[in-house]
Every structure is written in structure tokens, then in C-alpha cells.
Amino acid sequence: MYPKVILLGTSHPHIFHRIDYLRQNHITVLGYYDSDSEVSSRMQEHVDCPRSTDHKQLLSLDFDIAMIHGRDHENPEYIRLAIDHGAKGIFVEKPGAAQPDQFGPLAAEIKARGLVFEIGWELHYLETVEFAREVISQSLLGHITEARFHGGCPGGAGAEPWQSNNQNIGGFFYSLGGHVVETVVDLFGLPNQVVSSIRKLPEQKPHVGCSWVPGLFEGKQLNPKVAIGTLTYEDIASAILEYDTINVHLDFTAWESSGYLVDWTMDMYGVQGSLHLNFDVPGGHLMLKDAKGGWNAGQNPLYPETVHQKGDMLKAAFSKQMNCFFERVEDPNCEVARCDEENAQKLLLLYQALYESARTRCWTEVEK
């Protein structure tokens, strides 16, 4: 099968990763559309396909796959249009919708029609996340009672357009924090209830931040002058997720002093051991009370710097997600990794509860 692709919305920077993948794998792209005429015009120099000035024209083409990178509030309608025009596969940039409740009806129809759907939480495919799944599935830690996850973004990145859409439920915690929260849902499922604090901090004096991307075509800028408390949405987010037999703690800040993923961590504590991982940089260790599963008792170092460099895993995760998606389109029954409509719906249900808890300042049950 040689799938034919359309690009429905091109306003998120991850579109460039996907265009590179399509080009490198010689996949036919029939055309593209974006609702912003300036974005649409400037995108012409980055793609090898015709520009459509009307989404109806693009959707009238004989396509197999719709790759959707519109603004968050546009994407539910783009998903609907792709479904209605016979898409066999749909890939949508995360989080998939500006408001969590916009996605449920779409997820139900995608499943009912047997369509191949993938959402762009590429950290689902990180080697470190895969390793955490194996540790849990093999019960290397015994019963886990507590886990802690940290995420965030470089100081300045919280002000980027994709974290500042005034039609979204929230900011960086929603659009970027979901990478980490999706990992929690993947490893432990949905909690029974949550309590959260998602808030803007009082405005403070300007300082030199880490980095940000001011616009789609502007590239990363280092050391911007920024100020805590000036973002459209939250500066920090914290939460406790309560399960039957485990609590999971989340903490996020939009003001990290380092680049993406450098400070992102996961820690799990079981009765027979503990796991400490960085998401995408060298380091981490598996601590075991007794030798088990081929691992030694005591501290087992993981991902040494001599073998793993920062960024290598992330690049591999981007590619693996696309490989798996195209394999699934070719054979919907194949057994490969996926971050599909069920993953997306679970994550959005959790976000709905997290933001509701922050609003009411009360424990909130999670819909399942």
C-alpha cells in the first residue's frame, strides 16, 4: 500500500517533524490547508505539495490519511471532516481539542468505524517510558505505593502561541504537561479521584528565561526577558491522583531553567524496589531489595552518558510513532505500539477532572 496523505491544518511546529518524515519515506502528500492565510502562504516553501485555499477542495481529493496540525480549537472539526470524507487513518497533534469534552463523541465514532487514529504524544514511544512499562509488567518493584512525576517547560516557552490559546482549558500544563500525564495514565490507568492546584503566580520582576519559540516560522530564541505571572494561563500545577492502592503525585512548572525534558523525571516506590528515571537524558537507576529478573540487588545504573546522549531518545520516539501509525494504516490488526483515541480520551477525562478540582479547590472524581 502506498498511502496518500493530506495535511489538514499546519499551524503547530511539530508539522515540520512530520513533513520531514513523509519526505524521507517518500510518502505522497496530495496537498495542505491552513485557515490562516499567512501561515498557509509561508508554508509553501516547506512542503512539496500544492496549497489548498479551501479545506473542501483538499478533502475532495482521493486521500487515505489526514494529518491534522491545526489550532487546538480547530482540530475537533478537522477530525470530524476527516471522518466524514473517508479517511482510513487520522493523525492529530496533541492535545486533540481545546476543551476535553469536545473529543468524547469523536472517539466513540472513530472506534465504531474501526479507523486508525493516533495522537501526537510522542513521549509514549520513548525508550525510558517503554522500560518503565516493563518494570511494572514484570512486578520488579513489588507493590508500588507511591509514584512521582515532574514535567514543565523552559522558562519563556509557556508564552508561546500553542500554550496561550484563549479558547483552551489551560496553558502549558495542558498542551505540554500532557506528555507526562499521558505516561501516568499509560502506566497506571485513570485514578478514582484527584485534587489539584493549577494557578497563576503573582507577577514578579522580569528575569532572563531559558528559551521560547515566538511563532511558527521564527525558530527558537534563547534567553528571553520574561516574568513569572504574565502567562495567559497557569505558571505552576500540582496534583495528587488517588487510586485504589497507590497515590501518584504530579508537579509542573512553566519556569524551568533548562531545555525541554532535561528536568523531567519519574520516580516509583515499591515494597521490593524503586525506579528513578529521567525522561530523555542520561542517568537514572533501578534499586532492588533482592536480585530479580536479571538485575542485581542494590542500585542498578541506567542509561549511562557514555551510551545515551540527550535528545537521541526523543528523535527516535518521533520516528517510532510515525512508523507504528503507518504500519497500523496498512494493517489495522497489526500488533504495534499505539497512542490512539482511547489513550486520548482517558487523558482528556483526567484533565477535565484536574482543572475542575483546581477551580473548586476540592477533590474531584474522574469519569471513567
Protein backbone atom coordinates (compact mmCIF):
# COMPACT_ATOMS: atom_id res chain seq x y z
CA MET A 1 0.00 0.00 0.00
CA TYR A 2 1.23 3.48 -0.86
CA PRO A 3 -0.86 5.81 1.31
CA LYS A 4 -1.82 9.26 0.13
CA VAL A 5 -1.73 11.98 2.76
CA ILE A 6 -3.33 15.38 3.18
CA LEU A 7 -2.17 17.99 5.71
CA LEU A 8 -5.27 19.49 7.31
CA GLY A 9 -4.00 22.41 9.39
CA THR A 10 -0.30 23.27 9.51
CA SER A 11 -0.09 25.73 12.42
CA HIS A 12 1.76 23.65 15.04
CA PRO A 13 5.58 23.42 14.89
CA HIS A 14 5.53 19.62 15.04
CA ILE A 15 4.24 19.73 11.47
CA PHE A 16 7.87 20.14 10.41
CA HIS A 17 8.85 16.83 12.07
CA ARG A 18 6.04 15.09 10.22
CA ILE A 19 6.83 16.72 6.87
CA ASP A 20 10.46 15.57 7.21
CA TYR A 21 9.28 12.03 7.96
CA LEU A 22 6.93 11.97 4.97
CA ARG A 23 9.65 13.30 2.68
CA GLN A 24 12.30 10.85 3.93
CA ASN A 25 9.95 7.92 3.46
CA HIS A 26 8.76 9.03 0.02
CA ILE A 27 5.12 9.18 1.09
CA THR A 28 2.80 11.03 -1.28
CA VAL A 29 1.33 14.26 0.09
CA LEU A 30 -1.54 15.46 -2.07
CA GLY A 31 -1.91 18.92 -0.59
CA TYR A 32 -2.27 21.05 2.51
CA TYR A 33 -4.61 23.63 4.03
CA ASP A 34 -4.47 26.08 6.93
CA SER A 35 -7.16 28.53 7.97
CA ASP A 36 -4.60 31.32 8.44
CA SER A 37 -3.76 32.72 5.01
CA GLU A 38 -0.33 33.95 6.11
CA VAL A 39 0.62 30.57 7.60
CA SER A 40 -0.73 28.85 4.50
CA SER A 41 1.26 31.09 2.18
CA ARG A 42 4.53 30.80 4.09
CA MET A 43 4.20 27.04 4.45
CA GLN A 44 4.61 26.64 0.68
CA GLU A 45 8.40 26.83 0.96
CA HIS A 46 8.43 23.95 3.46
CA VAL A 47 6.27 21.38 1.62
CA ASP A 48 6.41 19.51 -1.67
CA CYS A 49 2.70 19.60 -2.44
CA PRO A 50 0.00 22.02 -3.64
CA ARG A 51 -1.64 24.56 -1.35
CA SER A 52 -5.42 24.50 -0.96
CA THR A 53 -7.10 27.75 -0.01
CA ASP A 54 -10.34 25.91 0.79
CA HIS A 55 -10.49 22.84 3.07
CA LYS A 56 -13.37 21.46 0.95
CA GLN A 57 -11.06 21.35 -2.05
CA LEU A 58 -8.44 19.43 -0.06
CA LEU A 59 -10.96 16.96 1.34
CA SER A 60 -12.34 16.24 -2.14
CA LEU A 61 -9.05 14.57 -3.06
CA ASP A 62 -8.65 10.78 -3.03
CA PHE A 63 -6.66 10.53 0.23
CA ASP A 64 -6.03 7.77 2.77
CA ILE A 65 -4.61 9.68 5.73
CA ALA A 66 -5.36 13.09 7.21
CA MET A 67 -2.55 14.58 9.30
CA ILE A 68 -4.01 17.35 11.44
CA HIS A 69 -1.92 20.15 12.96
CA GLY A 70 -4.43 22.96 13.31
CA ARG A 71 -5.07 25.14 16.32
CA ASP A 72 -6.48 23.19 19.25
CA HIS A 73 -9.96 24.69 18.86
CA GLU A 74 -9.97 23.77 15.13
CA ASN A 75 -8.83 20.18 15.46
CA PRO A 76 -12.12 18.55 16.59
CA GLU A 77 -13.81 19.90 13.46
CA TYR A 78 -10.89 18.76 11.30
CA ILE A 79 -11.17 15.28 12.82
CA ARG A 80 -14.90 15.29 12.06
CA LEU A 81 -14.27 16.34 8.46
CA ALA A 82 -11.63 13.63 8.00
CA ILE A 83 -14.03 11.00 9.33
CA ASP A 84 -16.86 12.19 7.09
CA HIS A 85 -14.65 12.21 3.99
CA GLY A 86 -13.49 8.61 4.33
CA ALA A 87 -10.09 8.82 5.99
CA LYS A 88 -8.58 5.41 6.75
CA GLY A 89 -6.11 6.95 9.21
CA ILE A 90 -6.10 10.16 11.21
CA PHE A 91 -3.07 11.61 12.97
CA VAL A 92 -3.75 14.68 15.12
CA GLU A 93 -1.32 16.85 17.04
CA LYS A 94 -1.80 16.79 20.81
CA PRO A 95 -3.88 17.52 22.85
CA GLY A 96 -6.55 16.99 20.14
CA ALA A 97 -9.08 19.54 21.38
CA ALA A 98 -9.18 22.91 23.10
CA GLN A 99 -11.71 21.62 25.64
CA PRO A 100 -11.64 17.99 26.89
CA ASP A 101 -15.36 17.38 26.39
CA GLN A 102 -15.08 18.07 22.64
CA PHE A 103 -13.31 14.78 21.98
CA GLY A 104 -15.61 12.12 23.50
CA PRO A 105 -18.15 11.85 20.65
CA LEU A 106 -15.33 11.72 18.11
CA ALA A 107 -13.53 8.94 19.99
CA ALA A 108 -16.72 6.86 20.05
CA GLU A 109 -17.22 7.23 16.31
CA ILE A 110 -13.57 6.54 15.49
CA LYS A 111 -13.79 3.29 17.44
CA ALA A 112 -17.16 2.33 15.95
CA ARG A 113 -15.87 2.82 12.41
CA GLY A 114 -12.61 0.98 13.08
CA LEU A 115 -10.46 3.89 11.92
CA VAL A 116 -6.76 4.10 12.71
CA PHE A 117 -6.23 7.08 14.99
CA GLU A 118 -3.05 8.41 16.56
CA ILE A 119 -2.46 11.45 18.74
CA GLY A 120 0.89 13.20 18.89
CA TRP A 121 2.01 12.38 22.43
CA GLU A 122 5.33 11.09 21.09
CA LEU A 123 6.85 10.50 24.54
CA HIS A 124 4.59 7.43 24.67
CA TYR A 125 7.31 5.91 22.46
CA LEU A 126 10.36 6.95 24.49
CA GLU A 127 12.72 4.12 25.40
CA THR A 128 12.60 5.19 29.06
CA VAL A 129 8.79 5.03 29.12
CA GLU A 130 8.90 1.60 27.50
CA PHE A 131 11.36 0.50 30.18
CA ALA A 132 9.03 1.75 32.93
CA ARG A 133 6.22 -0.33 31.40
CA GLU A 134 8.44 -3.42 31.52
CA VAL A 135 9.41 -2.81 35.14
CA ILE A 136 5.74 -2.58 36.12
CA SER A 137 4.59 -5.52 33.98
CA GLN A 138 7.33 -7.72 35.48
CA SER A 139 6.50 -6.56 39.02
CA LEU A 140 10.17 -5.84 39.65
CA LEU A 141 9.30 -3.30 42.35
CA GLY A 142 6.63 -5.40 44.03
CA HIS A 143 3.55 -3.49 45.12
CA ILE A 144 4.02 0.20 44.24
CA THR A 145 2.54 2.53 46.84
CA GLU A 146 3.75 5.94 45.65
CA ALA A 147 4.93 7.48 42.38
CA ARG A 148 6.02 11.00 41.49
CA PHE A 149 6.28 12.67 38.09
CA HIS A 150 7.75 16.06 37.20
CA GLY A 151 7.38 17.99 33.95
CA GLY A 152 7.27 21.53 32.69
CA CYS A 153 8.77 23.75 30.03
CA PRO A 154 11.75 26.07 29.61
CA GLY A 155 11.23 29.50 31.14
CA GLY A 156 9.64 31.54 28.35
CA ALA A 157 8.04 28.66 26.44
CA GLY A 158 4.82 28.99 28.42
CA ALA A 159 4.16 32.21 26.47
CA GLU A 160 4.33 30.52 23.06
CA PRO A 161 1.16 30.68 20.93
CA TRP A 162 0.44 26.97 21.47
CA GLN A 163 0.36 27.48 25.24
CA SER A 164 -1.63 30.74 25.01
CA ASN A 165 -4.76 29.86 23.02
CA ASN A 166 -7.58 31.68 24.83
CA GLN A 167 -10.05 29.01 23.74
CA ASN A 168 -8.18 26.24 25.58
CA ILE A 169 -8.99 24.90 29.04
CA GLY A 170 -5.45 25.80 30.15
CA GLY A 171 -1.89 26.57 29.13
CA PHE A 172 1.43 24.76 29.30
CA PHE A 173 0.15 22.16 31.78
CA TYR A 174 -2.45 21.11 29.21
CA SER A 175 -0.53 21.41 25.95
CA LEU A 176 2.90 20.27 27.18
CA GLY A 177 2.30 18.67 30.58
CA GLY A 178 0.15 16.06 28.87
CA HIS A 179 3.33 14.31 27.74
CA VAL A 180 4.00 13.38 31.35
CA VAL A 181 0.36 12.95 32.40
CA GLU A 182 -0.18 10.60 29.44
CA THR A 183 2.69 8.49 30.75
CA VAL A 184 0.94 8.27 34.14
CA VAL A 185 -2.33 7.15 32.52
CA ASP A 186 -0.45 4.67 30.34
CA LEU A 187 1.33 3.12 33.33
CA PHE A 188 -1.42 3.22 35.96
CA GLY A 189 -4.73 3.94 34.20
CA LEU A 190 -7.24 6.52 35.39
CA PRO A 191 -7.37 7.40 39.10
CA ASN A 192 -10.56 7.38 41.11
CA GLN A 193 -10.28 11.00 42.19
CA VAL A 194 -7.86 13.91 42.10
CA VAL A 195 -7.08 17.10 43.93
CA SER A 196 -5.07 19.82 42.20
CA SER A 197 -3.68 23.32 42.34
CA ILE A 198 -3.27 24.87 38.88
CA ARG A 199 -2.60 28.55 39.23
CA LYS A 200 -1.05 31.75 38.07
CA LEU A 201 1.52 33.19 40.43
CA PRO A 202 1.69 36.87 41.40
CA GLU A 203 3.53 38.88 38.77
CA GLN A 204 7.23 39.21 39.56
CA LYS A 205 10.17 41.18 38.24
CA PRO A 206 11.47 40.27 34.78
CA HIS A 207 14.32 37.80 34.57
CA VAL A 208 16.30 36.06 31.84
CA GLY A 209 14.49 32.88 30.89
CA CYS A 210 15.69 29.80 29.04
CA SER A 211 14.10 29.72 25.57
CA TRP A 212 10.91 30.09 23.57
CA VAL A 213 9.59 29.97 20.01
CA PRO A 214 7.65 33.20 19.32
CA GLY A 215 5.92 31.91 16.18
CA LEU A 216 5.67 29.04 13.74
CA PHE A 217 8.42 30.25 11.40
CA GLU A 218 10.62 32.15 13.86
CA GLY A 219 12.72 29.40 15.42
CA LYS A 220 13.96 29.02 18.98
CA GLN A 221 15.17 32.15 20.74
CA LEU A 222 17.45 31.82 23.77
CA ASN A 223 17.49 33.83 26.99
CA PRO A 224 14.28 35.84 26.52
CA LYS A 225 13.36 38.52 29.02
CA VAL A 226 10.32 37.11 30.82
CA ALA A 227 8.35 37.47 34.04
CA ILE A 228 6.53 34.98 36.24
CA GLY A 229 2.81 35.75 36.47
CA THR A 230 2.47 37.15 32.93
CA LEU A 231 1.36 33.99 31.08
CA THR A 232 -2.14 33.66 29.63
CA TYR A 233 -2.72 30.66 31.88
CA GLU A 234 -1.03 28.83 34.74
CA ASP A 235 2.56 29.17 35.94
CA ILE A 236 2.57 26.00 38.04
CA ALA A 237 0.47 22.88 38.56
CA SER A 238 0.46 20.24 41.29
CA ALA A 239 -1.86 17.29 41.87
CA ILE A 240 -2.46 14.09 43.81
CA LEU A 241 -4.04 11.24 41.87
CA GLU A 242 -5.68 8.71 44.17
CA TYR A 243 -6.01 5.10 43.01
CA ASP A 244 -7.24 2.08 44.97
CA THR A 245 -3.76 1.11 46.17
CA ILE A 246 -1.39 3.88 45.06
CA ASN A 247 -1.07 7.66 45.09
CA VAL A 248 0.61 9.46 42.19
CA HIS A 249 1.98 12.97 42.65
CA LEU A 250 2.36 15.45 39.78
CA ASP A 251 4.31 18.70 39.80
CA PHE A 252 4.89 21.06 36.89
CA THR A 253 6.38 24.49 36.35
CA ALA A 254 6.45 26.75 33.29
CA TRP A 255 9.70 28.25 34.55
CA GLU A 256 12.35 25.56 34.27
CA SER A 257 15.88 26.87 33.90
CA SER A 258 16.77 24.13 31.38
CA GLY A 259 15.67 22.92 27.95
CA TYR A 260 12.78 20.57 27.23
CA LEU A 261 12.84 17.25 29.11
CA VAL A 262 16.14 17.91 30.89
CA ASP A 263 14.46 18.08 34.31
CA TRP A 264 11.53 15.76 33.58
CA THR A 265 11.58 12.74 35.88
CA MET A 266 9.58 9.76 37.09
CA ASP A 267 10.08 8.01 40.43
CA MET A 268 8.24 4.92 41.68
CA TYR A 269 8.47 3.32 45.11
CA GLY A 270 7.55 -0.33 45.66
CA VAL A 271 7.96 -2.75 48.56
CA GLN A 272 10.75 -4.60 46.72
CA GLY A 273 12.48 -1.72 44.97
CA SER A 274 12.31 1.71 43.40
CA LEU A 275 12.74 3.16 39.91
CA HIS A 276 14.21 6.58 39.14
CA LEU A 277 14.26 7.73 35.51
CA ASN A 278 14.94 10.85 33.52
CA PHE A 279 12.65 11.03 30.50
CA ASP A 280 15.24 11.89 27.86
CA VAL A 281 18.68 12.44 29.35
CA PRO A 282 21.32 10.03 30.64
CA GLY A 283 21.05 8.76 34.18
CA GLY A 284 18.62 7.03 36.48
CA HIS A 285 18.72 3.78 38.37
CA LEU A 286 16.72 0.74 39.41
CA MET A 287 17.08 -0.07 43.12
CA LEU A 288 16.16 -3.60 44.18
CA LYS A 289 15.98 -5.22 47.62
CA ASP A 290 16.92 -8.60 46.13
CA ALA A 291 18.27 -9.77 42.78
CA LYS A 292 15.38 -10.20 40.36
CA GLY A 293 14.65 -10.51 36.65
CA GLY A 294 18.32 -10.46 35.71
CA TRP A 295 19.01 -7.33 37.80
CA ASN A 296 21.32 -7.19 40.80
CA ALA A 297 20.32 -6.42 44.36
CA GLY A 298 21.07 -2.80 45.19
CA GLN A 299 21.48 0.05 42.72
CA ASN A 300 21.48 -0.77 39.01
CA PRO A 301 22.60 2.27 36.94
CA LEU A 302 20.50 3.02 33.84
CA TYR A 303 21.22 4.84 30.59
CA PRO A 304 24.86 5.87 31.13
CA GLU A 305 26.05 9.08 29.48
CA THR A 306 28.70 7.16 27.56
CA VAL A 307 25.93 5.43 25.59
CA HIS A 308 22.95 7.81 25.66
CA GLN A 309 23.03 11.47 24.70
CA LYS A 310 20.25 13.96 25.38
CA GLY A 311 17.81 14.17 22.50
CA ASP A 312 18.60 10.79 20.96
CA MET A 313 15.60 9.08 22.55
CA LEU A 314 13.24 11.90 21.61
CA LYS A 315 14.26 11.76 17.94
CA ALA A 316 13.76 8.00 17.98
CA ALA A 317 10.33 8.41 19.62
CA PHE A 318 9.12 10.79 16.88
CA SER A 319 10.15 8.29 14.22
CA LYS A 320 8.79 5.24 16.01
CA GLN A 321 5.37 6.84 16.47
CA MET A 322 5.11 7.57 12.76
CA ASN A 323 6.37 4.11 11.80
CA CYS A 324 3.78 2.46 14.03
CA PHE A 325 0.98 4.68 12.75
CA PHE A 326 1.69 3.90 9.10
CA GLU A 327 2.02 0.18 9.89
CA ARG A 328 -1.42 0.30 11.50
CA VAL A 329 -2.96 2.06 8.50
CA GLU A 330 -1.56 -0.65 6.25
CA ASP A 331 -2.74 -3.40 8.63
CA PRO A 332 -5.19 -2.21 11.33
CA ASN A 333 -4.86 -5.55 13.13
CA CYS A 334 -1.08 -5.48 13.47
CA GLU A 335 0.35 -5.63 16.98
CA VAL A 336 2.43 -2.48 17.31
CA ALA A 337 2.52 0.32 19.86
CA ARG A 338 -0.17 2.96 19.65
CA CYS A 339 -1.37 6.14 21.32
CA ASP A 340 -4.89 6.06 19.97
CA GLU A 341 -8.33 7.50 20.63
CA GLU A 342 -8.69 5.52 23.86
CA ASN A 343 -5.44 6.98 25.22
CA ALA A 344 -6.52 10.45 24.15
CA GLN A 345 -9.97 10.14 25.70
CA LYS A 346 -8.66 8.85 29.03
CA LEU A 347 -6.14 11.68 29.22
CA LEU A 348 -8.75 14.32 28.43
CA LEU A 349 -11.13 12.91 31.06
CA LEU A 350 -8.33 13.22 33.61
CA TYR A 351 -7.59 16.80 32.53
CA GLN A 352 -11.24 17.69 32.89
CA ALA A 353 -11.13 16.49 36.50
CA LEU A 354 -7.79 18.19 37.22
CA TYR A 355 -8.95 21.61 36.06
CA GLU A 356 -12.31 21.18 37.80
CA SER A 357 -10.56 20.33 41.06
CA ALA A 358 -8.36 23.41 40.75
CA ARG A 359 -11.43 25.56 40.08
CA THR A 360 -13.46 24.23 43.02
CA ARG A 361 -10.44 23.57 45.28
CA CYS A 362 -12.00 20.18 46.12
CA TRP A 363 -11.36 16.50 45.49
CA THR A 364 -12.96 15.61 42.12
CA GLU A 365 -13.98 12.19 40.84
CA VAL A 366 -12.64 11.12 37.45
CA GLU A 367 -15.19 9.99 34.89
CA LYS A 368 -14.45 6.54 33.50
